[in-house]
Amino acid sequence: MIARLAFALTVVPFGLLLHVARQPLNGLDMAVAHDLHAHAVANPAWTRFMAFWTDALGPATWRVLVVGVAAWLAWRGAPLAAGWALITTVAGGLLGEGLKLLIDRARPIFPDPVSSAPGLSFPSGHALAATLGAGVLVLLARPALRGRPLLVALAWTAAALLALSVSYTRVALGVHWVSDVVGGMLLGVAVLAVSVLAFKPVRRRRSRATARALSP
């Protein structure tokens, strides 16, 4: 039920963002990007911290975390959970790269850049990876948190804050537009929702195996 709701609430806004990304640059993207860039130029210490944060929580970090947890779960006797995590992460990354090529949107360009990034702009790979990676890790931990609603809420809150913070740094460092990072987060939620629904037939077995793997 929650997965269906999440997909329904993300697919329409993401479709609208796809349309926006294919059009000439809009005023909101330009205004926010220039305001945040001006703040970054005026505050080099804050900019250095953002550069550290965006690198520390970049796509490679989330992939290593998911692969590491998946390998540990497989070793602990939960191969279904491990396979689900790997398939979801790989599928999300490939979909994001495919959309970049399809939309072919250029990154922001400033006369006094504080950072740079290769490739195309929409959707943000950092925002997608943080949303998807954090979501996968929380869902893997859910069986061990059953009966502890406060811990579940804290885990989802932490995941959301991590994704939002990484997304903020991408715009503030001048390497993405606002619609890029919003699109990346929405795509991450949609991929997660579709993956949960697609794996529903094996979810109960996966949850029991994961709970055993996470137990001391």
N, C-alpha and C. Protein backbone atom coordinates (compact mmCIF):
# COMPACT_ATOMS: atom_id res chain seq x y z
N MET A 1 0.83 -1.21 0.00
CA MET A 1 0.00 0.00 0.00
C MET A 1 0.87 1.26 0.00
N ILE A 2 1.87 1.29 0.89
CA ILE A 2 2.75 2.45 0.98
C ILE A 2 3.57 2.60 -0.30
N ALA A 3 4.04 1.47 -0.85
CA ALA A 3 4.83 1.52 -2.09
C ALA A 3 3.99 2.06 -3.24
N ARG A 4 2.73 1.62 -3.33
CA ARG A 4 1.84 2.12 -4.40
C ARG A 4 1.60 3.61 -4.25
N LEU A 5 1.39 4.04 -3.02
CA LEU A 5 1.16 5.47 -2.77
C LEU A 5 2.39 6.29 -3.13
N ALA A 6 3.57 5.80 -2.74
CA ALA A 6 4.80 6.51 -3.05
C ALA A 6 5.00 6.64 -4.55
N PHE A 7 4.71 5.56 -5.28
CA PHE A 7 4.86 5.61 -6.74
C PHE A 7 3.87 6.60 -7.35
N ALA A 8 2.62 6.55 -6.88
CA ALA A 8 1.59 7.44 -7.42
C ALA A 8 1.93 8.90 -7.16
N LEU A 9 2.53 9.19 -6.01
CA LEU A 9 2.84 10.56 -5.64
C LEU A 9 4.10 11.09 -6.31
N THR A 10 4.89 10.20 -6.91
CA THR A 10 6.14 10.65 -7.55
C THR A 10 6.09 10.64 -9.07
N VAL A 11 5.29 9.74 -9.64
CA VAL A 11 5.36 9.57 -11.09
C VAL A 11 4.84 10.81 -11.83
N VAL A 12 3.77 11.44 -11.35
CA VAL A 12 3.24 12.62 -12.04
C VAL A 12 4.19 13.82 -11.90
N PRO A 13 4.67 14.16 -10.67
CA PRO A 13 5.64 15.26 -10.58
C PRO A 13 6.90 15.01 -11.39
N PHE A 14 7.37 13.76 -11.42
CA PHE A 14 8.57 13.47 -12.21
C PHE A 14 8.31 13.66 -13.69
N GLY A 15 7.12 13.25 -14.14
CA GLY A 15 6.77 13.47 -15.54
C GLY A 15 6.75 14.95 -15.89
N LEU A 16 6.25 15.77 -14.98
CA LEU A 16 6.25 17.21 -15.22
C LEU A 16 7.67 17.76 -15.27
N LEU A 17 8.55 17.24 -14.40
CA LEU A 17 9.93 17.69 -14.42
C LEU A 17 10.65 17.27 -15.70
N LEU A 18 10.31 16.10 -16.22
CA LEU A 18 10.88 15.69 -17.51
C LEU A 18 10.53 16.72 -18.59
N HIS A 19 9.29 17.17 -18.58
CA HIS A 19 8.86 18.18 -19.55
C HIS A 19 9.62 19.49 -19.33
N VAL A 20 9.76 19.89 -18.07
CA VAL A 20 10.48 21.13 -17.74
C VAL A 20 11.93 21.05 -18.20
N ALA A 21 12.56 19.90 -17.97
CA ALA A 21 13.98 19.75 -18.30
C ALA A 21 14.23 19.80 -19.80
N ARG A 22 13.24 19.49 -20.59
CA ARG A 22 13.40 19.50 -22.04
C ARG A 22 13.14 20.88 -22.64
N GLN A 23 12.62 21.80 -21.83
CA GLN A 23 12.30 23.14 -22.30
C GLN A 23 13.47 24.10 -22.02
N PRO A 24 13.42 25.31 -22.58
CA PRO A 24 14.42 26.32 -22.22
C PRO A 24 14.42 26.55 -20.71
N LEU A 25 15.57 26.93 -20.19
CA LEU A 25 15.75 27.04 -18.75
C LEU A 25 14.72 27.98 -18.13
N ASN A 26 14.11 27.54 -17.03
CA ASN A 26 13.05 28.33 -16.40
C ASN A 26 13.62 29.30 -15.36
N GLY A 27 12.81 30.29 -14.99
CA GLY A 27 13.24 31.34 -14.08
C GLY A 27 13.56 30.86 -12.68
N LEU A 28 12.80 29.88 -12.17
CA LEU A 28 13.05 29.37 -10.82
C LEU A 28 14.40 28.71 -10.73
N ASP A 29 14.73 27.84 -11.69
CA ASP A 29 16.03 27.19 -11.70
C ASP A 29 17.15 28.22 -11.71
N MET A 30 17.02 29.22 -12.58
CA MET A 30 18.07 30.23 -12.71
C MET A 30 18.21 31.07 -11.44
N ALA A 31 17.09 31.49 -10.88
CA ALA A 31 17.13 32.36 -9.70
C ALA A 31 17.76 31.65 -8.50
N VAL A 32 17.31 30.42 -8.23
CA VAL A 32 17.84 29.69 -7.08
C VAL A 32 19.32 29.37 -7.28
N ALA A 33 19.68 28.91 -8.48
CA ALA A 33 21.08 28.57 -8.74
C ALA A 33 21.99 29.77 -8.56
N HIS A 34 21.59 30.93 -9.06
CA HIS A 34 22.44 32.12 -8.94
C HIS A 34 22.52 32.62 -7.50
N ASP A 35 21.42 32.55 -6.76
CA ASP A 35 21.44 32.98 -5.35
C ASP A 35 22.35 32.08 -4.52
N LEU A 36 22.22 30.77 -4.69
CA LEU A 36 23.04 29.85 -3.91
C LEU A 36 24.50 29.92 -4.34
N HIS A 37 24.73 30.13 -5.62
CA HIS A 37 26.12 30.26 -6.09
C HIS A 37 26.77 31.51 -5.51
N ALA A 38 26.04 32.60 -5.47
CA ALA A 38 26.58 33.84 -4.89
C ALA A 38 26.94 33.64 -3.43
N HIS A 39 26.11 32.90 -2.70
CA HIS A 39 26.40 32.61 -1.29
C HIS A 39 27.64 31.74 -1.17
N ALA A 40 27.80 30.77 -2.08
CA ALA A 40 28.97 29.90 -2.05
C ALA A 40 30.25 30.68 -2.32
N VAL A 41 30.20 31.60 -3.28
CA VAL A 41 31.37 32.41 -3.61
C VAL A 41 31.76 33.29 -2.43
N ALA A 42 30.77 33.80 -1.71
CA ALA A 42 31.04 34.71 -0.60
C ALA A 42 31.44 33.98 0.68
N ASN A 43 31.26 32.67 0.72
CA ASN A 43 31.56 31.91 1.95
C ASN A 43 32.40 30.68 1.61
N PRO A 44 33.69 30.87 1.40
CA PRO A 44 34.55 29.76 0.96
C PRO A 44 34.63 28.60 1.95
N ALA A 45 34.57 28.90 3.25
CA ALA A 45 34.62 27.81 4.23
C ALA A 45 33.40 26.91 4.10
N TRP A 46 32.23 27.52 3.95
CA TRP A 46 31.01 26.75 3.75
C TRP A 46 31.07 25.96 2.45
N THR A 47 31.66 26.56 1.42
CA THR A 47 31.79 25.88 0.13
C THR A 47 32.70 24.67 0.24
N ARG A 48 33.78 24.79 1.00
CA ARG A 48 34.68 23.64 1.19
C ARG A 48 33.96 22.51 1.92
N PHE A 49 33.15 22.86 2.91
CA PHE A 49 32.39 21.83 3.62
C PHE A 49 31.39 21.14 2.68
N MET A 50 30.72 21.93 1.85
CA MET A 50 29.77 21.34 0.91
C MET A 50 30.47 20.41 -0.07
N ALA A 51 31.66 20.80 -0.52
CA ALA A 51 32.42 19.95 -1.44
C ALA A 51 32.78 18.63 -0.77
N PHE A 52 33.18 18.71 0.51
CA PHE A 52 33.48 17.49 1.26
C PHE A 52 32.23 16.62 1.40
N TRP A 53 31.12 17.23 1.76
CA TRP A 53 29.87 16.49 2.00
C TRP A 53 29.37 15.82 0.73
N THR A 54 29.40 16.54 -0.38
CA THR A 54 28.89 15.98 -1.63
C THR A 54 29.77 14.85 -2.13
N ASP A 55 31.09 14.93 -1.85
CA ASP A 55 31.99 13.84 -2.24
C ASP A 55 31.83 12.64 -1.30
N ALA A 56 31.69 12.92 0.00
CA ALA A 56 31.57 11.84 0.97
C ALA A 56 30.30 11.03 0.77
N LEU A 57 29.23 11.68 0.31
CA LEU A 57 27.95 11.00 0.11
C LEU A 57 27.59 10.93 -1.37
N GLY A 58 28.60 10.78 -2.20
CA GLY A 58 28.38 10.66 -3.63
C GLY A 58 27.90 9.27 -4.02
N PRO A 59 27.58 9.05 -5.29
CA PRO A 59 27.07 7.76 -5.74
C PRO A 59 27.97 6.58 -5.38
N ALA A 60 29.28 6.75 -5.49
CA ALA A 60 30.19 5.64 -5.19
C ALA A 60 30.05 5.17 -3.75
N THR A 61 29.88 6.11 -2.83
CA THR A 61 29.72 5.75 -1.42
C THR A 61 28.49 4.88 -1.20
N TRP A 62 27.37 5.30 -1.78
CA TRP A 62 26.13 4.53 -1.60
C TRP A 62 26.23 3.16 -2.25
N ARG A 63 26.88 3.07 -3.39
CA ARG A 63 27.03 1.77 -4.04
C ARG A 63 27.90 0.84 -3.21
N VAL A 64 28.97 1.36 -2.66
CA VAL A 64 29.84 0.54 -1.81
C VAL A 64 29.07 0.06 -0.57
N LEU A 65 28.30 0.95 0.03
CA LEU A 65 27.52 0.57 1.21
C LEU A 65 26.51 -0.52 0.88
N VAL A 66 25.78 -0.34 -0.21
CA VAL A 66 24.76 -1.33 -0.58
C VAL A 66 25.42 -2.67 -0.92
N VAL A 67 26.49 -2.64 -1.69
CA VAL A 67 27.18 -3.88 -2.05
C VAL A 67 27.74 -4.55 -0.79
N GLY A 68 28.30 -3.77 0.12
CA GLY A 68 28.84 -4.34 1.34
C GLY A 68 27.76 -4.99 2.19
N VAL A 69 26.65 -4.30 2.37
CA VAL A 69 25.55 -4.85 3.17
C VAL A 69 24.96 -6.07 2.47
N ALA A 70 24.83 -6.00 1.14
CA ALA A 70 24.29 -7.14 0.39
C ALA A 70 25.18 -8.37 0.53
N ALA A 71 26.49 -8.17 0.45
CA ALA A 71 27.42 -9.29 0.60
C ALA A 71 27.31 -9.90 2.00
N TRP A 72 27.17 -9.03 2.99
CA TRP A 72 27.04 -9.52 4.37
C TRP A 72 25.74 -10.28 4.57
N LEU A 73 24.64 -9.78 3.99
CA LEU A 73 23.36 -10.47 4.10
C LEU A 73 23.40 -11.82 3.40
N ALA A 74 24.02 -11.88 2.22
CA ALA A 74 24.14 -13.15 1.52
C ALA A 74 24.94 -14.15 2.35
N TRP A 75 25.99 -13.69 2.98
CA TRP A 75 26.82 -14.55 3.83
C TRP A 75 26.05 -15.04 5.04
N ARG A 76 25.12 -14.18 5.53
CA ARG A 76 24.32 -14.52 6.70
C ARG A 76 23.07 -15.33 6.34
N GLY A 77 22.91 -15.69 5.09
CA GLY A 77 21.79 -16.53 4.70
C GLY A 77 20.56 -15.79 4.22
N ALA A 78 20.73 -14.56 3.71
CA ALA A 78 19.59 -13.80 3.18
C ALA A 78 19.88 -13.38 1.74
N PRO A 79 20.02 -14.35 0.81
CA PRO A 79 20.37 -14.01 -0.57
C PRO A 79 19.29 -13.23 -1.30
N LEU A 80 18.00 -13.45 -0.94
CA LEU A 80 16.93 -12.71 -1.60
C LEU A 80 17.04 -11.21 -1.31
N ALA A 81 17.28 -10.89 -0.06
CA ALA A 81 17.43 -9.48 0.32
C ALA A 81 18.65 -8.88 -0.36
N ALA A 82 19.74 -9.64 -0.41
CA ALA A 82 20.95 -9.15 -1.05
C ALA A 82 20.71 -8.91 -2.54
N GLY A 83 20.05 -9.86 -3.21
CA GLY A 83 19.77 -9.70 -4.63
C GLY A 83 18.85 -8.53 -4.91
N TRP A 84 17.82 -8.37 -4.07
CA TRP A 84 16.91 -7.23 -4.24
C TRP A 84 17.66 -5.90 -4.14
N ALA A 85 18.53 -5.77 -3.14
CA ALA A 85 19.27 -4.52 -2.95
C ALA A 85 20.16 -4.22 -4.15
N LEU A 86 20.86 -5.24 -4.66
CA LEU A 86 21.76 -5.02 -5.79
C LEU A 86 20.99 -4.69 -7.07
N ILE A 87 19.92 -5.43 -7.34
CA ILE A 87 19.13 -5.18 -8.55
C ILE A 87 18.52 -3.79 -8.52
N THR A 88 17.98 -3.40 -7.38
CA THR A 88 17.35 -2.08 -7.25
C THR A 88 18.37 -0.97 -7.47
N THR A 89 19.54 -1.11 -6.88
CA THR A 89 20.57 -0.08 -7.01
C THR A 89 21.09 0.03 -8.43
N VAL A 90 21.36 -1.11 -9.05
CA VAL A 90 21.86 -1.10 -10.44
C VAL A 90 20.80 -0.56 -11.40
N ALA A 91 19.56 -1.00 -11.22
CA ALA A 91 18.48 -0.54 -12.11
C ALA A 91 18.30 0.97 -12.00
N GLY A 92 18.32 1.49 -10.79
CA GLY A 92 18.17 2.93 -10.60
C GLY A 92 19.30 3.71 -11.25
N GLY A 93 20.53 3.23 -11.08
CA GLY A 93 21.66 3.92 -11.68
C GLY A 93 21.61 3.92 -13.20
N LEU A 94 21.26 2.77 -13.79
CA LEU A 94 21.17 2.69 -15.25
C LEU A 94 20.05 3.56 -15.79
N LEU A 95 18.92 3.58 -15.08
CA LEU A 95 17.80 4.41 -15.52
C LEU A 95 18.18 5.89 -15.47
N GLY A 96 18.88 6.29 -14.41
CA GLY A 96 19.31 7.68 -14.31
C GLY A 96 20.24 8.07 -15.44
N GLU A 97 21.20 7.20 -15.77
CA GLU A 97 22.14 7.50 -16.86
C GLU A 97 21.42 7.54 -18.20
N GLY A 98 20.46 6.64 -18.38
CA GLY A 98 19.71 6.65 -19.62
C GLY A 98 18.91 7.93 -19.80
N LEU A 99 18.31 8.41 -18.72
CA LEU A 99 17.53 9.65 -18.79
C LEU A 99 18.43 10.85 -19.06
N LYS A 100 19.64 10.84 -18.52
CA LYS A 100 20.57 11.93 -18.80
C LYS A 100 20.81 12.05 -20.31
N LEU A 101 21.04 10.90 -20.95
CA LEU A 101 21.29 10.91 -22.40
C LEU A 101 20.05 11.32 -23.17
N LEU A 102 18.89 10.88 -22.70
CA LEU A 102 17.64 11.20 -23.39
C LEU A 102 17.31 12.69 -23.30
N ILE A 103 17.45 13.26 -22.11
CA ILE A 103 17.09 14.67 -21.90
C ILE A 103 18.17 15.61 -22.43
N ASP A 104 19.44 15.21 -22.27
CA ASP A 104 20.58 15.97 -22.82
C ASP A 104 20.57 17.42 -22.33
N ARG A 105 20.45 17.60 -21.04
CA ARG A 105 20.41 18.95 -20.46
C ARG A 105 21.80 19.35 -19.97
N ALA A 106 22.21 20.56 -20.29
CA ALA A 106 23.53 21.04 -19.89
C ALA A 106 23.53 21.48 -18.43
N ARG A 107 24.69 21.37 -17.81
CA ARG A 107 24.84 21.83 -16.43
C ARG A 107 24.95 23.36 -16.38
N PRO A 108 24.75 23.94 -15.19
CA PRO A 108 24.94 25.39 -15.06
C PRO A 108 26.37 25.80 -15.39
N ILE A 109 26.52 27.00 -15.90
CA ILE A 109 27.85 27.56 -16.17
C ILE A 109 27.92 28.94 -15.53
N PHE A 110 28.93 29.13 -14.69
CA PHE A 110 29.12 30.42 -14.02
C PHE A 110 30.50 30.98 -14.39
N PRO A 111 30.64 32.31 -14.44
CA PRO A 111 31.94 32.90 -14.78
C PRO A 111 32.98 32.66 -13.69
N ASP A 112 32.53 32.43 -12.45
CA ASP A 112 33.43 32.19 -11.32
C ASP A 112 33.02 30.92 -10.59
N PRO A 113 33.14 29.76 -11.23
CA PRO A 113 32.65 28.51 -10.63
C PRO A 113 33.40 28.14 -9.35
N VAL A 114 32.68 27.52 -8.42
CA VAL A 114 33.32 27.04 -7.19
C VAL A 114 33.51 25.53 -7.24
N SER A 115 32.93 24.88 -8.25
CA SER A 115 33.06 23.44 -8.41
C SER A 115 32.74 23.08 -9.86
N SER A 116 32.99 21.84 -10.20
CA SER A 116 32.68 21.38 -11.55
C SER A 116 32.31 19.90 -11.50
N ALA A 117 31.63 19.45 -12.54
CA ALA A 117 31.23 18.04 -12.62
C ALA A 117 31.09 17.68 -14.09
N PRO A 118 31.46 16.45 -14.45
CA PRO A 118 31.35 16.03 -15.85
C PRO A 118 29.94 15.57 -16.19
N GLY A 119 29.69 15.41 -17.47
CA GLY A 119 28.44 14.81 -17.91
C GLY A 119 27.27 15.77 -17.98
N LEU A 120 26.09 15.18 -18.12
CA LEU A 120 24.86 15.94 -18.29
C LEU A 120 24.17 16.18 -16.94
N SER A 121 23.05 16.91 -16.98
CA SER A 121 22.52 17.49 -15.76
C SER A 121 21.28 16.82 -15.18
N PHE A 122 20.34 16.38 -16.01
CA PHE A 122 19.06 15.87 -15.50
C PHE A 122 18.92 14.39 -15.77
N PRO A 123 18.58 13.61 -14.72
CA PRO A 123 18.43 13.98 -13.30
C PRO A 123 19.78 13.94 -12.58
N SER A 124 19.84 14.52 -11.41
CA SER A 124 21.07 14.51 -10.63
C SER A 124 21.40 13.10 -10.16
N GLY A 125 22.58 12.61 -10.54
CA GLY A 125 23.00 11.29 -10.10
C GLY A 125 23.24 11.22 -8.61
N HIS A 126 23.75 12.31 -8.03
CA HIS A 126 23.98 12.35 -6.58
C HIS A 126 22.65 12.26 -5.82
N ALA A 127 21.67 13.04 -6.25
CA ALA A 127 20.37 13.02 -5.57
C ALA A 127 19.70 11.66 -5.71
N LEU A 128 19.78 11.07 -6.91
CA LEU A 128 19.21 9.75 -7.14
C LEU A 128 19.89 8.70 -6.28
N ALA A 129 21.22 8.70 -6.27
CA ALA A 129 21.96 7.68 -5.53
C ALA A 129 21.72 7.79 -4.02
N ALA A 130 21.68 9.03 -3.50
CA ALA A 130 21.46 9.21 -2.07
C ALA A 130 20.06 8.76 -1.67
N THR A 131 19.07 9.13 -2.47
CA THR A 131 17.68 8.74 -2.18
C THR A 131 17.52 7.23 -2.25
N LEU A 132 18.01 6.65 -3.32
CA LEU A 132 17.86 5.21 -3.53
C LEU A 132 18.70 4.42 -2.54
N GLY A 133 19.95 4.83 -2.34
CA GLY A 133 20.82 4.10 -1.44
C GLY A 133 20.33 4.13 0.00
N ALA A 134 19.96 5.31 0.47
CA ALA A 134 19.45 5.41 1.84
C ALA A 134 18.15 4.64 2.00
N GLY A 135 17.29 4.72 0.99
CA GLY A 135 16.02 3.99 1.06
C GLY A 135 16.22 2.49 1.09
N VAL A 136 17.13 1.98 0.27
CA VAL A 136 17.42 0.54 0.25
C VAL A 136 17.93 0.09 1.61
N LEU A 137 18.84 0.86 2.20
CA LEU A 137 19.41 0.48 3.49
C LEU A 137 18.35 0.48 4.59
N VAL A 138 17.45 1.46 4.57
CA VAL A 138 16.38 1.49 5.57
C VAL A 138 15.46 0.30 5.41
N LEU A 139 15.09 -0.02 4.16
CA LEU A 139 14.20 -1.16 3.93
C LEU A 139 14.86 -2.48 4.32
N LEU A 140 16.17 -2.59 4.11
CA LEU A 140 16.87 -3.79 4.55
C LEU A 140 16.86 -3.92 6.07
N ALA A 141 16.88 -2.78 6.75
CA ALA A 141 16.90 -2.81 8.21
C ALA A 141 15.51 -2.97 8.82
N ARG A 142 14.45 -2.77 8.03
CA ARG A 142 13.09 -2.81 8.57
C ARG A 142 12.75 -4.08 9.35
N PRO A 143 13.10 -5.28 8.84
CA PRO A 143 12.74 -6.48 9.60
C PRO A 143 13.31 -6.49 11.01
N ALA A 144 14.51 -5.93 11.18
CA ALA A 144 15.12 -5.89 12.51
C ALA A 144 14.50 -4.80 13.38
N LEU A 145 13.78 -3.87 12.76
CA LEU A 145 13.17 -2.77 13.51
C LEU A 145 11.68 -2.98 13.73
N ARG A 146 11.17 -4.15 13.36
CA ARG A 146 9.74 -4.43 13.51
C ARG A 146 9.34 -4.30 14.98
N GLY A 147 8.23 -3.59 15.20
CA GLY A 147 7.77 -3.37 16.57
C GLY A 147 8.42 -2.17 17.24
N ARG A 148 9.25 -1.43 16.49
CA ARG A 148 9.91 -0.24 17.03
C ARG A 148 9.62 0.95 16.11
N PRO A 149 8.41 1.44 16.13
CA PRO A 149 8.00 2.50 15.19
C PRO A 149 8.84 3.76 15.30
N LEU A 150 9.29 4.09 16.50
CA LEU A 150 10.11 5.30 16.65
C LEU A 150 11.43 5.16 15.91
N LEU A 151 12.06 3.99 16.01
CA LEU A 151 13.32 3.78 15.30
C LEU A 151 13.11 3.77 13.79
N VAL A 152 11.98 3.22 13.34
CA VAL A 152 11.67 3.23 11.91
C VAL A 152 11.51 4.66 11.42
N ALA A 153 10.77 5.47 12.20
CA ALA A 153 10.57 6.88 11.83
C ALA A 153 11.89 7.63 11.80
N LEU A 154 12.75 7.37 12.78
CA LEU A 154 14.06 8.03 12.82
C LEU A 154 14.92 7.61 11.63
N ALA A 155 14.85 6.35 11.27
CA ALA A 155 15.64 5.86 10.13
C ALA A 155 15.20 6.53 8.83
N TRP A 156 13.88 6.62 8.61
CA TRP A 156 13.38 7.28 7.40
C TRP A 156 13.68 8.77 7.41
N THR A 157 13.62 9.39 8.58
CA THR A 157 13.95 10.82 8.68
C THR A 157 15.41 11.06 8.34
N ALA A 158 16.29 10.21 8.88
CA ALA A 158 17.72 10.34 8.58
C ALA A 158 17.98 10.15 7.10
N ALA A 159 17.32 9.17 6.48
CA ALA A 159 17.49 8.92 5.05
C ALA A 159 17.06 10.14 4.24
N ALA A 160 15.92 10.71 4.60
CA ALA A 160 15.42 11.88 3.89
C ALA A 160 16.36 13.07 4.03
N LEU A 161 16.87 13.29 5.24
CA LEU A 161 17.78 14.41 5.48
C LEU A 161 19.08 14.25 4.72
N LEU A 162 19.58 13.03 4.64
CA LEU A 162 20.81 12.80 3.88
C LEU A 162 20.60 13.10 2.40
N ALA A 163 19.48 12.62 1.84
CA ALA A 163 19.20 12.88 0.44
C ALA A 163 19.01 14.37 0.17
N LEU A 164 18.29 15.04 1.05
CA LEU A 164 18.07 16.48 0.88
C LEU A 164 19.37 17.27 1.00
N SER A 165 20.22 16.89 1.94
CA SER A 165 21.47 17.64 2.14
C SER A 165 22.39 17.49 0.94
N VAL A 166 22.49 16.27 0.41
CA VAL A 166 23.32 16.06 -0.78
C VAL A 166 22.75 16.84 -1.97
N SER A 167 21.44 16.81 -2.11
CA SER A 167 20.80 17.54 -3.21
C SER A 167 21.06 19.03 -3.11
N TYR A 168 21.00 19.56 -1.90
CA TYR A 168 21.28 20.99 -1.69
C TYR A 168 22.70 21.34 -2.15
N THR A 169 23.67 20.50 -1.78
CA THR A 169 25.06 20.83 -2.14
C THR A 169 25.25 20.87 -3.65
N ARG A 170 24.51 20.03 -4.39
CA ARG A 170 24.70 20.01 -5.83
C ARG A 170 24.26 21.33 -6.48
N VAL A 171 23.19 21.91 -5.96
CA VAL A 171 22.73 23.19 -6.49
C VAL A 171 23.62 24.32 -5.98
N ALA A 172 23.94 24.28 -4.70
CA ALA A 172 24.74 25.35 -4.11
C ALA A 172 26.15 25.40 -4.69
N LEU A 173 26.69 24.26 -5.12
CA LEU A 173 28.01 24.24 -5.73
C LEU A 173 27.98 24.59 -7.22
N GLY A 174 26.77 24.81 -7.73
CA GLY A 174 26.64 25.28 -9.10
C GLY A 174 26.81 24.21 -10.16
N VAL A 175 26.56 22.92 -9.81
CA VAL A 175 26.73 21.86 -10.80
C VAL A 175 25.38 21.24 -11.21
N HIS A 176 24.29 21.72 -10.62
CA HIS A 176 22.97 21.23 -10.97
C HIS A 176 21.94 22.34 -10.79
N TRP A 177 20.83 22.21 -11.53
CA TRP A 177 19.67 23.06 -11.33
C TRP A 177 18.76 22.42 -10.27
N VAL A 178 17.86 23.22 -9.71
CA VAL A 178 16.94 22.70 -8.69
C VAL A 178 16.11 21.55 -9.25
N SER A 179 15.61 21.70 -10.45
CA SER A 179 14.78 20.64 -11.03
C SER A 179 15.57 19.36 -11.25
N ASP A 180 16.89 19.46 -11.40
CA ASP A 180 17.72 18.26 -11.55
C ASP A 180 17.69 17.42 -10.28
N VAL A 181 17.88 18.08 -9.13
CA VAL A 181 17.96 17.33 -7.88
C VAL A 181 16.58 16.86 -7.42
N VAL A 182 15.56 17.68 -7.66
CA VAL A 182 14.20 17.23 -7.33
C VAL A 182 13.85 16.02 -8.20
N GLY A 183 14.22 16.07 -9.47
CA GLY A 183 13.98 14.94 -10.36
C GLY A 183 14.73 13.70 -9.90
N GLY A 184 15.96 13.87 -9.45
CA GLY A 184 16.75 12.74 -8.96
C GLY A 184 16.12 12.10 -7.74
N MET A 185 15.64 12.92 -6.81
CA MET A 185 15.00 12.36 -5.60
C MET A 185 13.70 11.66 -5.93
N LEU A 186 12.88 12.28 -6.79
CA LEU A 186 11.61 11.66 -7.17
C LEU A 186 11.84 10.34 -7.91
N LEU A 187 12.84 10.32 -8.77
CA LEU A 187 13.16 9.08 -9.49
C LEU A 187 13.61 8.00 -8.51
N GLY A 188 14.39 8.38 -7.51
CA GLY A 188 14.84 7.41 -6.51
C GLY A 188 13.68 6.79 -5.76
N VAL A 189 12.71 7.62 -5.36
CA VAL A 189 11.54 7.11 -4.65
C VAL A 189 10.72 6.21 -5.56
N ALA A 190 10.55 6.61 -6.83
CA ALA A 190 9.76 5.81 -7.77
C ALA A 190 10.41 4.45 -8.03
N VAL A 191 11.71 4.43 -8.23
CA VAL A 191 12.41 3.16 -8.46
C VAL A 191 12.28 2.26 -7.24
N LEU A 192 12.42 2.85 -6.05
CA LEU A 192 12.29 2.07 -4.82
C LEU A 192 10.89 1.48 -4.70
N ALA A 193 9.87 2.28 -5.01
CA ALA A 193 8.48 1.81 -4.91
C ALA A 193 8.21 0.69 -5.91
N VAL A 194 8.66 0.85 -7.15
CA VAL A 194 8.45 -0.18 -8.17
C VAL A 194 9.18 -1.46 -7.79
N SER A 195 10.38 -1.32 -7.25
CA SER A 195 11.14 -2.50 -6.86
C SER A 195 10.46 -3.26 -5.73
N VAL A 196 9.94 -2.54 -4.75
CA VAL A 196 9.22 -3.18 -3.65
C VAL A 196 8.01 -3.94 -4.17
N LEU A 197 7.25 -3.31 -5.08
CA LEU A 197 6.07 -3.95 -5.64
C LEU A 197 6.45 -5.17 -6.49
N ALA A 198 7.52 -5.05 -7.27
CA ALA A 198 7.93 -6.14 -8.14
C ALA A 198 8.39 -7.36 -7.35
N PHE A 199 8.99 -7.11 -6.19
CA PHE A 199 9.51 -8.21 -5.37
C PHE A 199 8.53 -8.66 -4.30
N LYS A 200 7.29 -8.20 -4.40
CA LYS A 200 6.30 -8.52 -3.38
C LYS A 200 6.13 -10.02 -3.15
N PRO A 201 6.12 -10.85 -4.20
CA PRO A 201 5.92 -12.29 -3.98
C PRO A 201 6.97 -12.93 -3.07
N VAL A 202 8.18 -12.36 -3.02
CA VAL A 202 9.22 -12.98 -2.19
C VAL A 202 9.51 -12.15 -0.95
N ARG A 203 8.68 -11.11 -0.71
CA ARG A 203 8.99 -10.18 0.37
C ARG A 203 8.97 -10.85 1.74
N ARG A 204 7.97 -11.73 1.98
CA ARG A 204 7.88 -12.35 3.30
C ARG A 204 9.09 -13.23 3.58
N ARG A 205 9.47 -14.03 2.59
CA ARG A 205 10.66 -14.87 2.79
C ARG A 205 11.90 -14.01 2.96
N ARG A 206 11.99 -12.93 2.18
CA ARG A 206 13.13 -12.02 2.29
C ARG A 206 13.19 -11.38 3.65
N SER A 207 12.04 -10.95 4.19
CA SER A 207 12.00 -10.30 5.49
C SER A 207 12.41 -11.25 6.60
N ARG A 208 11.92 -12.50 6.54
CA ARG A 208 12.29 -13.45 7.59
C ARG A 208 13.78 -13.75 7.56
N ALA A 209 14.32 -13.94 6.34
CA ALA A 209 15.74 -14.22 6.21
C ALA A 209 16.59 -13.03 6.66
N THR A 210 16.13 -11.81 6.31
CA THR A 210 16.88 -10.62 6.71
C THR A 210 16.85 -10.44 8.22
N ALA A 211 15.69 -10.70 8.84
CA ALA A 211 15.59 -10.59 10.29
C ALA A 211 16.55 -11.55 10.96
N ARG A 212 16.65 -12.77 10.44
CA ARG A 212 17.59 -13.75 11.01
C ARG A 212 19.03 -13.28 10.81
N ALA A 213 19.31 -12.73 9.62
CA ALA A 213 20.68 -12.27 9.33
C ALA A 213 21.09 -11.11 10.22
N LEU A 214 20.13 -10.24 10.55
CA LEU A 214 20.45 -9.07 11.38
C LEU A 214 20.44 -9.37 12.85
N SER A 215 19.93 -10.53 13.23
CA SER A 215 19.90 -10.88 14.66
C SER A 215 21.31 -11.23 15.13
N PRO A 216 21.60 -10.97 16.43
CA PRO A 216 22.94 -11.26 16.94
C PRO A 216 23.31 -12.73 16.83
